[in-house]
């Protein structure tokens, strides 16, 4: 797999995600009232639903605290980075580690800079420390799924790839929904976390690829490595080679070994 920056779809996704994140950041920082109304309405509706379904509240708390916790994604990414390095896919290993570390730090810095309060309810069903924008769970869920897909897709059978994509999509959407339903994040927090994750992943891949292999000639993944065997293939060592012989123009065999005389 060559640099994601060379792929138009990846570049387009990064540009769109950057635009979404910047717009939401400006709106939240400026306290834009229409966005606040949408956020408040979604939060109130989800809160009412969860309060009326205690069983779902416990399920959502389990999913966000154990299945889709940021530390789960970090642990999986750490294992993935080690295995990638061991397999010789070292550029992807470095990128995986950089994405999780730099992405997490970036999210924390934005939280502190924006300092947005979390949703407030008279009867909260969950609580969370720190600021609200962007959602750290949504950000780390996106980062974790992206790096795991990058590690697994090149080496699994083609028929398995749709399953991996489905698991990733469910995880990314699921972690965002649990945070909103439990009343600890607004909709814009979650969307901003997803968008920031895409931007961090693509930008870091482009940066590391440029620093690692400026000419863009080094194959990174097993599936993209060139074969040492030419397409037509040379003749086997024991196979006679056919040459044109003499003025008669007849094809005569020429042995590949040294002559006996």
Protein backbone atom coordinates (compact mmCIF):
# COMPACT_ATOMS: atom_id res chain seq x y z
CA UNK A 1 0.00 0.00 0.00
CA UNK A 2 1.48 3.27 -1.04
CA UNK A 3 0.90 6.60 0.64
CA UNK A 4 -2.69 7.42 1.30
CA UNK A 5 -1.95 10.91 0.08
CA UNK A 6 -1.60 9.51 -3.45
CA UNK A 7 -5.13 8.18 -3.38
CA UNK A 8 -7.74 10.70 -4.49
CA UNK A 9 -10.48 9.21 -2.33
CA UNK A 10 -8.37 9.38 0.82
CA UNK A 11 -7.33 12.95 0.07
CA UNK A 12 -10.93 13.93 -0.63
CA UNK A 13 -12.10 12.33 2.61
CA UNK A 14 -9.42 14.19 4.54
CA UNK A 15 -10.40 17.52 2.99
CA UNK A 16 -14.09 16.99 3.71
CA UNK A 17 -13.35 15.86 7.26
CA UNK A 18 -11.10 18.87 7.84
CA UNK A 19 -13.84 21.16 6.60
CA UNK A 20 -16.43 19.54 8.88
CA UNK A 21 -14.15 19.77 11.89
CA UNK A 22 -13.19 23.41 11.31
CA UNK A 23 -16.81 24.46 10.77
CA UNK A 24 -17.97 22.71 13.94
CA UNK A 25 -15.03 24.12 15.89
CA UNK A 26 -15.87 27.67 14.84
CA UNK A 27 -19.57 27.18 15.55
CA UNK A 28 -18.97 25.73 19.00
CA UNK A 29 -16.35 28.34 19.93
CA UNK A 30 -18.66 31.13 18.77
CA UNK A 31 -21.67 29.66 20.56
CA UNK A 32 -23.77 29.55 17.38
CA UNK A 33 -27.34 29.23 18.55
CA UNK A 34 -28.78 27.03 15.74
CA UNK A 35 -26.12 24.40 16.40
CA UNK A 36 -26.79 24.58 20.13
CA UNK A 37 -30.50 24.01 19.54
CA UNK A 38 -29.86 20.94 17.40
CA UNK A 39 -27.40 19.53 19.94
CA UNK A 40 -29.76 20.19 22.84
CA UNK A 41 -32.73 18.62 21.06
CA UNK A 42 -30.85 15.44 20.14
CA UNK A 43 -29.41 15.16 23.65
CA UNK A 44 -32.83 15.63 25.27
CA UNK A 45 -34.55 13.08 23.04
CA UNK A 46 -31.87 10.44 23.61
CA UNK A 47 -31.85 11.10 27.34
CA UNK A 48 -35.62 10.65 27.56
CA UNK A 49 -35.35 7.35 25.70
CA UNK A 50 -32.56 6.00 27.90
CA UNK A 51 -34.28 7.01 31.12
CA UNK A 52 -37.32 5.03 30.01
CA UNK A 53 -35.24 1.93 29.20
CA UNK A 54 -32.98 0.99 32.13
CA UNK A 55 -31.87 -2.20 30.40
CA UNK A 56 -30.51 -0.26 27.47
CA UNK A 57 -28.75 2.10 29.83
CA UNK A 58 -26.78 -0.78 31.32
CA UNK A 59 -25.99 -2.14 27.86
CA UNK A 60 -24.79 1.23 26.63
CA UNK A 61 -22.65 1.72 29.72
CA UNK A 62 -21.05 -1.70 29.19
CA UNK A 63 -20.34 -1.02 25.52
CA UNK A 64 -18.79 2.40 26.09
CA UNK A 65 -16.86 1.35 29.19
CA UNK A 66 -15.56 -2.07 28.15
CA UNK A 67 -16.03 -2.82 24.46
CA UNK A 68 -15.36 0.59 22.89
CA UNK A 69 -13.27 2.27 25.56
CA UNK A 70 -10.35 4.33 24.19
CA UNK A 71 -7.88 2.13 26.05
CA UNK A 72 -9.22 -0.91 24.23
CA UNK A 73 -8.42 0.71 20.89
CA UNK A 74 -5.01 1.84 22.16
CA UNK A 75 -4.14 -1.65 23.34
CA UNK A 76 -5.18 -3.22 20.03
CA UNK A 77 -3.22 -0.59 18.12
CA UNK A 78 -0.13 -1.21 20.27
CA UNK A 79 -0.27 -4.96 19.59
CA UNK A 80 -0.82 -4.24 15.90
CA UNK A 81 2.20 -1.92 15.76
CA UNK A 82 4.45 -4.56 17.33
CA UNK A 83 3.26 -7.25 14.91
CA UNK A 84 3.62 -4.94 11.92
CA UNK A 85 7.19 -4.14 12.91
CA UNK A 86 7.95 -7.83 13.35
CA UNK A 87 6.48 -8.58 9.91
CA UNK A 88 8.69 -5.97 8.29
CA UNK A 89 5.88 -3.47 7.65
CA UNK A 90 7.72 -0.85 9.64
CA UNK A 91 6.34 2.25 8.02
CA UNK A 92 2.81 1.16 8.86
CA UNK A 93 3.94 0.26 12.38
CA UNK A 94 5.37 3.74 12.96
CA UNK A 95 2.27 5.32 11.48
CA UNK A 96 0.01 3.25 13.74
CA UNK A 97 1.82 4.38 16.87
CA UNK A 98 1.97 7.99 15.72
CA UNK A 99 -1.74 8.11 14.89
CA UNK A 100 -2.83 6.87 18.32
CA UNK A 101 -0.40 9.08 20.24
CA UNK A 102 -0.64 12.30 18.25
CA UNK A 103 -4.37 11.89 17.66
CA UNK A 104 -5.05 11.46 21.37
CA UNK A 105 -2.91 14.45 22.31
CA UNK A 106 -4.54 16.60 19.64
CA UNK A 107 -8.00 15.76 20.94
CA UNK A 108 -6.98 16.65 24.49
CA UNK A 109 -5.50 19.98 23.40
CA UNK A 110 -8.65 20.89 21.48
CA UNK A 111 -10.79 19.99 24.50
CA UNK A 112 -8.79 22.31 26.72
CA UNK A 113 -8.74 25.11 24.14
CA UNK A 114 -12.50 25.02 23.48
CA UNK A 115 -13.53 24.21 27.08
CA UNK A 116 -17.09 23.23 26.20
CA UNK A 117 -19.29 21.98 29.01
CA UNK A 118 -20.91 18.59 28.73
CA UNK A 119 -24.70 18.18 28.51
CA UNK A 120 -26.47 18.86 31.79
CA UNK A 121 -29.55 16.98 33.05
CA UNK A 122 -31.45 17.02 36.31
CA UNK A 123 -31.49 13.21 36.28
CA UNK A 124 -28.26 12.17 34.53
CA UNK A 125 -27.76 8.52 33.64
CA UNK A 126 -23.96 8.79 33.40
CA UNK A 127 -21.15 11.22 34.03
CA UNK A 128 -17.70 11.82 32.56
CA UNK A 129 -14.78 14.04 33.55
CA UNK A 130 -13.27 16.80 31.47
CA UNK A 131 -14.56 18.91 28.63
CA UNK A 132 -16.94 17.87 25.88
CA UNK A 133 -15.60 18.97 22.46
CA UNK A 134 -14.53 16.82 20.68
CA UNK A 135 -15.55 13.40 21.94
CA UNK A 136 -12.44 11.46 22.93
CA UNK A 137 -14.28 8.15 22.60
CA UNK A 138 -15.42 9.00 19.04
CA UNK A 139 -11.93 10.22 18.12
CA UNK A 140 -10.13 7.15 19.46
CA UNK A 141 -12.74 4.84 17.97
CA UNK A 142 -12.11 6.31 14.53
CA UNK A 143 -8.33 6.25 14.96
CA UNK A 144 -8.33 2.68 16.24
CA UNK A 145 -10.53 1.33 13.47
CA UNK A 146 -8.51 3.09 10.76
CA UNK A 147 -5.16 1.72 11.93
CA UNK A 148 -6.55 -1.78 12.44
CA UNK A 149 -8.06 -1.79 8.96
CA UNK A 150 -4.76 -0.62 7.50
CA UNK A 151 -2.99 -3.49 9.26
CA UNK A 152 -5.47 -6.24 8.42
CA UNK A 153 -6.96 -5.52 4.99
CA UNK A 154 -3.79 -6.23 2.97
CA UNK A 155 -3.23 -9.65 4.55
CA UNK A 156 -6.70 -11.18 4.95
CA UNK A 157 -8.61 -13.04 2.19
CA UNK A 158 -10.74 -10.80 0.01
CA UNK A 159 -13.97 -12.43 1.21
CA UNK A 160 -13.16 -11.43 4.80
CA UNK A 161 -12.66 -7.75 4.05
CA UNK A 162 -16.37 -6.81 4.02
CA UNK A 163 -16.68 -8.30 7.51
CA UNK A 164 -13.81 -6.16 8.77
CA UNK A 165 -15.34 -3.06 7.22
CA UNK A 166 -18.71 -3.87 8.81
CA UNK A 167 -17.16 -4.33 12.26
CA UNK A 168 -15.28 -1.04 11.90
CA UNK A 169 -18.36 0.91 10.79
CA UNK A 170 -20.50 -0.54 13.59
CA UNK A 171 -17.79 0.26 16.13
CA UNK A 172 -17.32 3.85 15.00
CA UNK A 173 -21.05 4.57 14.85
CA UNK A 174 -21.74 2.58 18.00
CA UNK A 175 -19.24 4.36 20.19
CA UNK A 176 -20.60 7.73 19.08
CA UNK A 177 -24.18 6.70 19.77
CA UNK A 178 -23.37 5.39 23.25
CA UNK A 179 -21.73 8.68 24.22
CA UNK A 180 -24.72 10.71 23.08
CA UNK A 181 -27.32 8.35 24.53
CA UNK A 182 -25.61 8.37 27.93
CA UNK A 183 -25.76 12.15 27.92
CA UNK A 184 -22.03 12.86 28.12
CA UNK A 185 -21.58 14.33 24.63
CA UNK A 186 -23.48 16.41 22.12
CA UNK A 187 -23.96 15.33 18.52
CA UNK A 188 -21.44 17.91 17.31
CA UNK A 189 -18.85 16.57 19.76
CA UNK A 190 -19.13 13.11 18.26
CA UNK A 191 -19.06 14.24 14.63
CA UNK A 192 -16.04 16.44 15.37
CA UNK A 193 -14.25 13.49 16.95
CA UNK A 194 -14.86 11.34 13.88
CA UNK A 195 -13.72 14.12 11.51
CA UNK A 196 -10.58 14.86 13.51
CA UNK A 197 -9.70 11.17 13.48
CA UNK A 198 -9.86 10.99 9.69
CA UNK A 199 -7.73 14.11 9.31
CA UNK A 200 -5.05 12.91 11.73
CA UNK A 201 -4.82 9.47 10.11
CA UNK A 202 -4.49 10.70 6.53
CA UNK A 203 -2.16 13.62 7.29
CA UNK A 204 0.19 11.46 9.34
CA UNK A 205 0.24 8.74 6.68
CA UNK A 206 1.19 11.31 4.04
CA UNK A 207 3.85 12.87 6.28
CA UNK A 208 5.43 9.58 7.33
CA UNK A 209 5.37 8.22 3.78
CA UNK A 210 7.09 11.36 2.49
CA UNK A 211 9.79 11.22 5.18
CA UNK A 212 10.22 7.45 4.97
CA UNK A 213 10.36 7.06 1.21
CA UNK A 214 10.47 10.45 -0.56
CA UNK A 215 10.61 8.83 -4.00
CA UNK A 216 7.50 6.77 -3.28
CA UNK A 217 9.14 3.59 -4.59
CA UNK A 218 9.18 1.39 -1.51
CA UNK A 219 6.35 -1.18 -1.32
CA UNK A 220 4.99 -1.35 2.20
CA UNK A 221 2.45 -4.15 2.19
CA UNK A 222 2.92 -7.77 1.11
CA UNK A 223 0.20 -7.46 -1.51
CA UNK A 224 1.99 -4.56 -3.24
CA UNK A 225 5.50 -6.01 -3.25
CA UNK A 226 6.80 -6.65 -6.77
CA UNK A 227 7.56 -10.22 -7.73
CA UNK A 228 11.15 -11.25 -8.46
CA UNK A 229 9.89 -13.50 -11.26
CA UNK A 230 9.37 -11.83 -14.66
CA UNK A 231 5.92 -12.13 -16.14
CA UNK A 232 7.02 -14.39 -18.99
CA UNK A 233 9.53 -16.14 -16.78
CA UNK A 234 12.94 -17.47 -17.80
CA UNK A 235 13.36 -21.02 -18.93
CA UNK A 236 14.04 -23.57 -16.21
CA UNK A 237 17.66 -24.40 -15.56
CA UNK A 238 17.37 -27.83 -17.15
CA UNK A 239 15.39 -26.69 -20.18
CA UNK A 240 17.08 -26.39 -23.54
CA UNK A 241 17.00 -22.97 -25.12
CA UNK A 242 16.06 -22.62 -28.77
CA UNK A 243 18.24 -20.51 -31.02
CA UNK A 244 18.35 -19.88 -34.70
CA UNK A 245 21.13 -21.86 -36.21
CA UNK A 246 23.34 -21.33 -39.27
CA UNK A 247 22.46 -20.16 -42.71
CA UNK A 248 19.78 -22.81 -43.01
CA UNK A 249 17.68 -20.92 -40.41
CA UNK A 250 16.82 -24.06 -38.52
CA UNK A 251 15.97 -24.00 -34.80
CA UNK A 252 18.59 -26.00 -32.96
CA UNK A 253 18.80 -26.73 -29.23
CA UNK A 254 21.64 -25.20 -27.29
CA UNK A 255 22.37 -26.79 -23.91
CA UNK A 256 22.62 -24.49 -20.97
CA UNK A 257 25.62 -26.27 -19.45
CA UNK A 258 29.28 -26.09 -20.59
CA UNK A 259 30.25 -28.00 -23.74
CA UNK A 260 31.81 -31.43 -23.34
CA UNK A 261 34.63 -30.84 -25.91
